[in-house]
Every structure is written in structure tokens, then in C-alpha cells.
């Protein structure tokens, strides 16, 4: 299932220069290319619509454009990537012609084009405001890891959940699968506008999870289940792993 063919889609990648653990990480070298170029390539491969990088740094904008994306400069003081992409969306489309916005995080250099497309699919249901991704947890140590966000949901269709809660705790209890949330979102434009206008919610503050703001406001989030969790680059060790993984992919392409 996919979004309606008449819907106009944009893929937006928020990429700020500042990072507590890894400053300038969108420009970090992976296989001879900046990380933002890898993310742009994956987004373009999804073939859903224009790819736009929303950034506060001219160097990131230049790298994004060299990789084939459109770059939009935004304020440096945004609290979240959602706020950043909404500013960029308002800049490129003040008339509101774009219907659906896919927020592809700028630190997911191994995200697959198939996963990006999967995130859009739940929006074919008009009752869904926001769509996101998750994969079943298969590594035992992730079940109790507070850095692995779990989504608790009810199955509404094969491979799709309606999100009831997101948590850093091990949930739900009892036998059955646990799902590792993947921070990529697809929004109806009106849902994104409503979301960024809401103040931080109590559970959002408690869990430090922005998506709880939407649930507390009564917005519906559905989750498409995918097979694997892409590598997120937050720390130097993650970057080293990404360099190892993607350097191998680059070498394989050169050998063909």
C-alpha cells in the first residue's frame, strides 16, 4: 500500500553542524564522501520526490548540493529536526502545495531506499497523521538497553502497528516480540504543522522522546515494520562502524 498518486511528496533531511558527541558529523568522511552525501543518495534512490537538506551550515549545504539535493538554510537555534524541516518546508513551499513530508534523519547513512518508501505507506490510510518505522528486536541485549527506544503498538494490518506508546523501558512485558523504533517519520503536512506548534508534553519530557508529544495530543502514529535497523551515527564508535560498512560497499561497487 502506498500514498495516493496525486499526493506531492518531499523528502527532507535535517542536518545541523553542532553535535555534543560528534561536532560537524554530517560532514564526517565515510568512504571518501561526507555522511550527508550517503543519506542524500539513499533518499534519492527511494524515488518519492524532491530531496531537500535543511541545514544551518554553508559547508553542509554545499555538500548536499554536490550530492544532488536541494539545500535550504535554516536558523541555528531549532530544538529539533522537526522544527528545522518545517522552517525549510515553509521556505520552499509557502503556498502549501506539498502534501506529505518524509523526515529522513541526517545521521542514518545506511538507511535503505526500501525502508524510506515503507515509512510513507501507512499514510495511505486517511486516519493516520504520522508514520514511522520499527524492526523486531533480535539481539537480547537491546531488550533492556535504554538507548534502544521501543514502540508498543497494536497490529492493524500485516507488518503495521498503531503506536500506543514509545519508551526506553523494556515493554511490553510478557512473551512476544519487542520492537526497536527507527527515527524516520512521514507526516501529513497539516500534522507536521500541528506537531511543531505544540509545547513539549509531560511524557515527552520524562522519556526524552519527542514523538510522545504527538500521542499525548491525540495524533495517530502508525508503524511500518521492516527487517533491519539502520546504523545511526551518534558517537565516534558509530562513525567507525559506518566507515567500515560503507567502505566495503564502495569497494564492491568499484570491483563490478
Protein backbone atom coordinates (compact mmCIF):
# COMPACT_ATOMS: atom_id res chain seq x y z
CA UNK A 1 0.00 0.00 0.00
CA UNK A 2 1.29 3.50 -0.77
CA UNK A 3 0.20 7.10 -0.54
CA UNK A 4 -2.23 8.37 -3.13
CA UNK A 5 -0.58 9.01 -6.52
CA UNK A 6 -1.85 12.59 -6.52
CA UNK A 7 -0.04 13.38 -3.28
CA UNK A 8 3.03 15.56 -3.67
CA UNK A 9 5.90 14.28 -1.54
CA UNK A 10 9.15 15.90 -0.40
CA UNK A 11 11.98 14.14 1.44
CA UNK A 12 13.65 16.42 3.95
CA UNK A 13 16.93 15.76 5.73
CA UNK A 14 17.64 17.93 8.80
CA UNK A 15 21.41 18.36 9.23
CA UNK A 16 22.82 20.71 11.85
CA UNK A 17 26.51 21.32 12.29
CA UNK A 18 26.58 21.33 16.11
CA UNK A 19 26.58 17.99 17.90
CA UNK A 20 27.60 17.38 21.50
CA UNK A 21 29.20 13.99 20.82
CA UNK A 22 30.32 14.40 17.22
CA UNK A 23 30.52 18.04 16.03
CA UNK A 24 30.11 18.51 12.30
CA UNK A 25 29.02 14.90 11.84
CA UNK A 26 27.08 15.48 8.56
CA UNK A 27 30.49 16.24 7.03
CA UNK A 28 32.26 13.23 8.59
CA UNK A 29 34.15 11.26 5.95
CA UNK A 30 32.73 7.86 5.07
CA UNK A 31 34.38 6.12 2.15
CA UNK A 32 35.72 9.39 0.78
CA UNK A 33 32.34 11.19 0.92
CA UNK A 34 30.63 13.23 3.64
CA UNK A 35 27.95 11.37 5.57
CA UNK A 36 25.26 13.74 4.29
CA UNK A 37 26.04 12.61 0.73
CA UNK A 38 25.30 8.99 1.66
CA UNK A 39 21.96 9.96 3.20
CA UNK A 40 21.06 12.09 0.17
CA UNK A 41 21.88 9.16 -2.11
CA UNK A 42 19.61 6.81 -0.15
CA UNK A 43 16.78 9.36 -0.19
CA UNK A 44 17.15 9.92 -3.93
CA UNK A 45 17.12 6.16 -4.51
CA UNK A 46 13.72 5.98 -2.80
CA UNK A 47 12.36 7.96 -5.79
CA UNK A 48 9.46 9.52 -3.92
CA UNK A 49 10.02 13.21 -4.60
CA UNK A 50 12.49 16.05 -4.30
CA UNK A 51 15.23 15.65 -1.70
CA UNK A 52 15.89 18.75 0.43
CA UNK A 53 18.57 19.19 3.09
CA UNK A 54 17.64 21.68 5.82
CA UNK A 55 20.80 22.94 7.49
CA UNK A 56 22.37 25.77 9.46
CA UNK A 57 25.85 25.42 7.90
CA UNK A 58 27.01 26.56 4.49
CA UNK A 59 29.52 23.71 4.24
CA UNK A 60 26.74 21.14 4.73
CA UNK A 61 24.60 22.94 2.15
CA UNK A 62 27.42 22.76 -0.38
CA UNK A 63 27.98 19.05 0.30
CA UNK A 64 24.25 18.36 -0.05
CA UNK A 65 24.02 20.17 -3.37
CA UNK A 66 27.10 18.34 -4.67
CA UNK A 67 25.29 15.08 -3.85
CA UNK A 68 22.21 16.11 -5.83
CA UNK A 69 19.92 17.53 -3.15
CA UNK A 70 18.42 20.97 -2.78
CA UNK A 71 19.81 22.83 0.25
CA UNK A 72 17.82 25.28 2.36
CA UNK A 73 19.46 27.37 5.06
CA UNK A 74 17.63 27.45 8.41
CA UNK A 75 18.11 29.02 11.82
CA UNK A 76 20.75 27.50 14.06
CA UNK A 77 18.64 27.52 17.23
CA UNK A 78 15.99 24.91 16.40
CA UNK A 79 15.23 22.50 19.22
CA UNK A 80 14.62 19.54 16.91
CA UNK A 81 14.89 18.27 13.37
CA UNK A 82 11.11 18.54 13.06
CA UNK A 83 11.27 22.28 13.68
CA UNK A 84 14.13 22.61 11.19
CA UNK A 85 12.34 20.81 8.37
CA UNK A 86 9.16 22.78 8.99
CA UNK A 87 11.06 26.04 8.55
CA UNK A 88 12.59 24.71 5.32
CA UNK A 89 9.20 23.46 4.10
CA UNK A 90 7.69 26.90 4.70
CA UNK A 91 10.55 28.43 2.71
CA UNK A 92 10.29 26.20 -0.36
CA UNK A 93 6.50 25.81 -0.40
CA UNK A 94 4.73 28.77 1.23
CA UNK A 95 1.58 28.06 -0.78
CA UNK A 96 1.11 24.58 0.72
CA UNK A 97 1.28 22.52 -2.47
CA UNK A 98 3.28 19.72 -0.81
CA UNK A 99 1.05 17.15 0.88
CA UNK A 100 3.44 14.69 2.55
CA UNK A 101 6.82 15.20 4.19
CA UNK A 102 9.29 12.38 4.86
CA UNK A 103 11.83 13.30 7.54
CA UNK A 104 14.99 11.27 6.87
CA UNK A 105 17.48 11.75 9.69
CA UNK A 106 20.85 13.04 8.52
CA UNK A 107 22.76 10.53 10.66
CA UNK A 108 21.38 7.36 9.04
CA UNK A 109 23.92 6.69 6.26
CA UNK A 110 22.90 3.03 5.92
CA UNK A 111 19.12 3.59 5.67
CA UNK A 112 17.73 1.70 2.69
CA UNK A 113 15.57 3.17 -0.03
CA UNK A 114 13.04 0.40 0.67
CA UNK A 115 12.78 1.47 4.31
CA UNK A 116 12.21 5.09 3.32
CA UNK A 117 9.42 4.01 1.00
CA UNK A 118 7.94 1.79 3.72
CA UNK A 119 7.62 4.78 6.07
CA UNK A 120 5.30 6.51 3.64
CA UNK A 121 2.94 3.55 3.18
CA UNK A 122 0.76 3.94 6.33
CA UNK A 123 -0.31 7.41 5.18
CA UNK A 124 -2.46 5.72 2.55
CA UNK A 125 -4.88 5.34 5.49
CA UNK A 126 -6.54 8.75 5.95
CA UNK A 127 -6.86 8.15 9.70
CA UNK A 128 -3.06 8.19 10.14
CA UNK A 129 -1.36 11.51 10.93
CA UNK A 130 2.27 10.38 11.18
CA UNK A 131 4.05 7.20 10.08
CA UNK A 132 7.33 5.76 11.26
CA UNK A 133 9.38 2.53 11.26
CA UNK A 134 10.40 -0.26 13.62
CA UNK A 135 12.12 -3.64 13.46
CA UNK A 136 11.75 -6.63 15.77
CA UNK A 137 14.50 -6.79 18.37
CA UNK A 138 16.64 -9.89 17.83
CA UNK A 139 19.68 -9.05 19.99
CA UNK A 140 18.95 -9.92 23.61
CA UNK A 141 21.00 -7.02 25.00
CA UNK A 142 18.79 -4.48 23.19
CA UNK A 143 15.69 -5.53 25.13
CA UNK A 144 16.90 -3.78 28.29
CA UNK A 145 19.01 -1.04 26.71
CA UNK A 146 17.52 2.42 27.47
CA UNK A 147 19.25 3.78 24.36
CA UNK A 148 17.08 1.48 22.25
CA UNK A 149 13.64 3.06 22.02
CA UNK A 150 10.82 0.54 21.94
CA UNK A 151 7.45 1.07 20.34
CA UNK A 152 4.40 -0.57 21.88
CA UNK A 153 1.56 -0.98 19.42
CA UNK A 154 -1.44 -2.94 18.24
CA UNK A 155 -1.34 -4.71 14.88
CA UNK A 156 -3.78 -3.10 12.44
CA UNK A 157 -2.56 -4.90 9.31
CA UNK A 158 0.22 -7.36 8.45
CA UNK A 159 3.51 -5.55 9.02
CA UNK A 160 1.86 -2.46 10.51
CA UNK A 161 1.16 -1.33 14.05
CA UNK A 162 -0.80 1.52 15.54
CA UNK A 163 1.56 3.08 18.08
CA UNK A 164 0.23 3.22 21.63
CA UNK A 165 3.45 4.29 23.34
CA UNK A 166 7.20 4.78 22.89
CA UNK A 167 9.56 4.06 25.76
CA UNK A 168 13.16 3.48 26.79
CA UNK A 169 11.98 0.78 29.18
CA UNK A 170 11.56 -2.90 28.32
CA UNK A 171 7.95 -3.02 27.15
CA UNK A 172 5.56 -4.65 26.90
CA UNK A 173 6.18 -7.36 29.48
CA UNK A 174 5.28 -10.99 28.92
CA UNK A 175 6.04 -13.29 25.99
CA UNK A 176 6.13 -11.86 22.49
CA UNK A 177 8.24 -9.61 20.28
CA UNK A 178 9.67 -6.21 21.21
CA UNK A 179 10.14 -3.58 18.51
CA UNK A 180 13.11 -1.24 18.06
CA UNK A 181 11.88 2.16 16.90
CA UNK A 182 13.66 3.74 13.93
CA UNK A 183 13.58 7.54 13.98
CA UNK A 184 12.36 8.24 10.46
CA UNK A 185 8.95 9.89 10.08
CA UNK A 186 6.44 10.63 7.34
CA UNK A 187 3.97 13.42 8.08
CA UNK A 188 0.86 14.79 6.54
CA UNK A 189 1.68 18.45 6.11
CA UNK A 190 -1.12 19.51 8.46
CA UNK A 191 0.11 17.02 11.07
CA UNK A 192 3.66 18.41 10.91
CA UNK A 193 2.36 21.97 11.29
CA UNK A 194 0.26 20.95 14.29
CA UNK A 195 3.10 18.98 15.86
CA UNK A 196 5.70 21.75 15.79
CA UNK A 197 3.16 24.20 17.25
CA UNK A 198 2.58 22.01 20.31
CA UNK A 199 4.54 22.62 23.51
CA UNK A 200 6.68 19.77 24.88
CA UNK A 201 4.44 17.31 26.71
CA UNK A 202 4.88 15.76 30.18
CA UNK A 203 5.67 12.25 28.92
CA UNK A 204 7.96 13.66 26.24
CA UNK A 205 9.98 15.37 28.94
CA UNK A 206 10.00 12.29 31.15
CA UNK A 207 11.08 9.79 28.48
CA UNK A 208 13.03 12.34 26.39
CA UNK A 209 11.12 11.17 23.31
CA UNK A 210 9.64 13.84 21.06
CA UNK A 211 7.09 11.54 19.40
CA UNK A 212 5.19 11.21 22.67
CA UNK A 213 4.10 14.82 22.21
CA UNK A 214 2.03 13.74 19.21
CA UNK A 215 0.46 10.78 21.02
CA UNK A 216 -0.41 12.89 24.05
CA UNK A 217 -2.12 15.37 21.74
CA UNK A 218 -4.29 12.57 20.29
CA UNK A 219 -2.48 12.27 16.98
CA UNK A 220 -2.30 8.83 15.38
CA UNK A 221 1.09 7.33 14.59
CA UNK A 222 1.29 4.07 12.64
CA UNK A 223 4.45 1.99 12.36
CA UNK A 224 5.63 0.05 9.32
CA UNK A 225 7.73 -2.97 10.29
CA UNK A 226 10.99 -3.51 8.42
CA UNK A 227 13.61 -6.23 8.63
CA UNK A 228 16.65 -4.36 9.96
CA UNK A 229 17.63 -1.31 11.97
CA UNK A 230 19.90 1.13 10.09
CA UNK A 231 23.05 2.31 11.80
CA UNK A 232 22.61 5.67 13.49
CA UNK A 233 25.79 7.72 13.90
CA UNK A 234 25.87 9.45 17.29
CA UNK A 235 29.37 8.78 18.59
CA UNK A 236 32.88 8.22 17.18
CA UNK A 237 32.44 4.45 17.53
CA UNK A 238 29.30 4.59 15.36
CA UNK A 239 31.19 6.57 12.75
CA UNK A 240 33.97 3.99 12.68
CA UNK A 241 31.41 1.24 12.16
CA UNK A 242 29.72 3.19 9.36
CA UNK A 243 33.08 3.75 7.70
CA UNK A 244 33.76 0.01 7.85
CA UNK A 245 30.34 -0.95 6.49
CA UNK A 246 30.13 1.60 3.71
CA UNK A 247 33.77 1.40 2.67
CA UNK A 248 33.10 -2.25 1.88
CA UNK A 249 30.07 -1.30 -0.18
CA UNK A 250 32.09 1.28 -2.13
CA UNK A 251 34.84 -1.26 -2.81
CA UNK A 252 32.31 -3.80 -4.05
CA UNK A 253 30.83 -1.28 -6.50
CA UNK A 254 34.29 -0.47 -7.84
CA UNK A 255 35.04 -4.16 -8.39
CA UNK A 256 31.99 -4.68 -10.59
